[in-house]
Amino acid sequence: MSCYHWELEALLKGLMLKQVDEREKLAEMAINLRYTMNAKKIQVNKLFNKKKEEQNVLDQFKRKNIDGTKNKLAQKVQQVNGYFKNRFKSKESENSEE
């Protein structure tokens, strides 16, 4: 397999970041083990709170707003569009009555 220099650097960077993640997991396991060994009464929620973790995952993939707008500027633009849409409809209805 041949690859460019930047591809090789990206692969090496990814492998090094993977090692950092593994070390982080090992450190977390060590802290959990220390808590488990020294606690008089172990509370599972202190080690792993499943509801909180699931809620974090759901929040990451949940839409920010019900109508699908992602930021305040888009909401304001939709609000202005709605205002002018209603305004022009009322003028058209006045002209058609005459």
Protein backbone atom coordinates (compact mmCIF):
# COMPACT_ATOMS: atom_id res chain seq x y z
CA MET A 1 0.00 0.00 0.00
CA SER A 2 1.39 3.35 -0.95
CA CYS A 3 0.20 6.64 0.43
CA TYR A 4 1.14 10.26 0.50
CA HIS A 5 3.11 11.82 3.31
CA TRP A 6 0.07 13.69 4.67
CA GLU A 7 -1.96 10.45 4.68
CA LEU A 8 0.75 8.71 6.68
CA GLU A 9 0.82 11.59 9.15
CA ALA A 10 -2.98 11.42 9.49
CA LEU A 11 -2.82 7.66 10.16
CA LEU A 12 -0.10 8.10 12.77
CA LYS A 13 -1.99 10.96 14.39
CA GLY A 14 -5.12 8.79 14.55
CA LEU A 15 -3.21 5.92 16.15
CA MET A 16 -1.69 8.23 18.74
CA LEU A 17 -5.09 9.73 19.55
CA LYS A 18 -6.45 6.19 19.91
CA GLN A 19 -3.72 5.47 22.46
CA VAL A 20 -4.63 8.63 24.36
CA ASP A 21 -8.27 7.50 24.47
CA GLU A 22 -7.24 4.07 25.75
CA ARG A 23 -5.12 5.68 28.48
CA GLU A 24 -8.07 7.86 29.46
CA LYS A 25 -10.27 4.76 29.77
CA LEU A 26 -7.64 3.03 31.89
CA ALA A 27 -7.39 6.07 34.18
CA GLU A 28 -11.17 6.12 34.58
CA MET A 29 -11.16 2.40 35.39
CA ALA A 30 -8.42 2.96 37.99
CA ILE A 31 -10.45 5.69 39.68
CA ASN A 32 -13.56 3.49 39.65
CA LEU A 33 -11.56 0.60 41.11
CA ARG A 34 -10.15 2.83 43.85
CA TYR A 35 -13.65 4.03 44.73
CA THR A 36 -14.96 0.46 44.75
CA MET A 37 -12.17 -0.81 46.97
CA ASN A 38 -12.37 2.04 49.50
CA ALA A 39 -16.10 2.75 49.72
CA LYS A 40 -18.06 1.28 52.59
CA LYS A 41 -21.25 1.20 50.56
CA ILE A 42 -20.90 1.33 46.78
CA GLN A 43 -23.35 3.43 44.80
CA VAL A 44 -23.55 2.25 41.21
CA ASN A 45 -24.72 5.67 39.98
CA LYS A 46 -21.40 7.16 41.06
CA LEU A 47 -19.61 4.69 38.80
CA PHE A 48 -21.98 4.73 35.84
CA ASN A 49 -25.27 6.58 35.49
CA LYS A 50 -26.98 4.92 32.53
CA LYS A 51 -29.92 7.34 32.37
CA LYS A 52 -27.61 10.36 32.27
CA GLU A 53 -25.42 8.82 29.55
CA GLU A 54 -28.44 7.87 27.43
CA GLN A 55 -29.88 11.38 27.82
CA ASN A 56 -26.56 12.89 26.68
CA VAL A 57 -26.64 10.75 23.54
CA LEU A 58 -30.27 11.63 22.81
CA ASP A 59 -29.60 15.34 23.35
CA GLN A 60 -26.77 15.28 20.82
CA PHE A 61 -29.03 13.96 18.08
CA LYS A 62 -32.20 15.83 19.02
CA ARG A 63 -33.26 18.77 16.89
CA LYS A 64 -32.73 22.07 18.57
CA ASN A 65 -36.15 23.49 17.67
CA ILE A 66 -39.44 21.93 16.73
CA ASP A 67 -39.70 23.70 13.37
CA GLY A 68 -36.19 22.64 12.32
CA THR A 69 -34.45 26.01 12.61
CA LYS A 70 -31.01 25.73 14.08
CA ASN A 71 -30.17 29.26 15.13
CA LYS A 72 -31.80 32.49 16.21
CA LEU A 73 -31.13 34.27 12.93
CA ALA A 74 -33.10 31.66 10.99
CA GLN A 75 -35.97 32.01 13.45
CA LYS A 76 -36.01 35.79 13.01
CA VAL A 77 -35.99 35.46 9.21
CA GLN A 78 -38.96 33.09 9.36
CA GLN A 79 -40.77 35.47 11.69
CA VAL A 80 -40.23 38.41 9.30
CA ASN A 81 -41.33 36.29 6.32
CA GLY A 82 -44.52 35.37 8.14
CA TYR A 83 -45.21 39.00 8.97
CA PHE A 84 -44.85 40.19 5.40
CA LYS A 85 -46.75 37.20 4.03
CA ASN A 86 -49.76 38.09 6.17
CA ARG A 87 -49.45 41.78 5.33
CA PHE A 88 -49.49 41.24 1.57
CA LYS A 89 -52.42 38.83 1.81
CA SER A 90 -54.54 41.46 3.55
CA LYS A 91 -53.73 44.08 0.86
CA GLU A 92 -54.63 41.65 -1.93
CA SER A 93 -57.97 40.90 -0.31
CA GLU A 94 -58.74 44.65 -0.05
CA ASN A 95 -57.97 45.14 -3.76
CA SER A 96 -60.14 42.21 -4.81
CA GLU A 97 -63.15 43.57 -2.86
CA GLU A 98 -63.16 46.81 -4.86
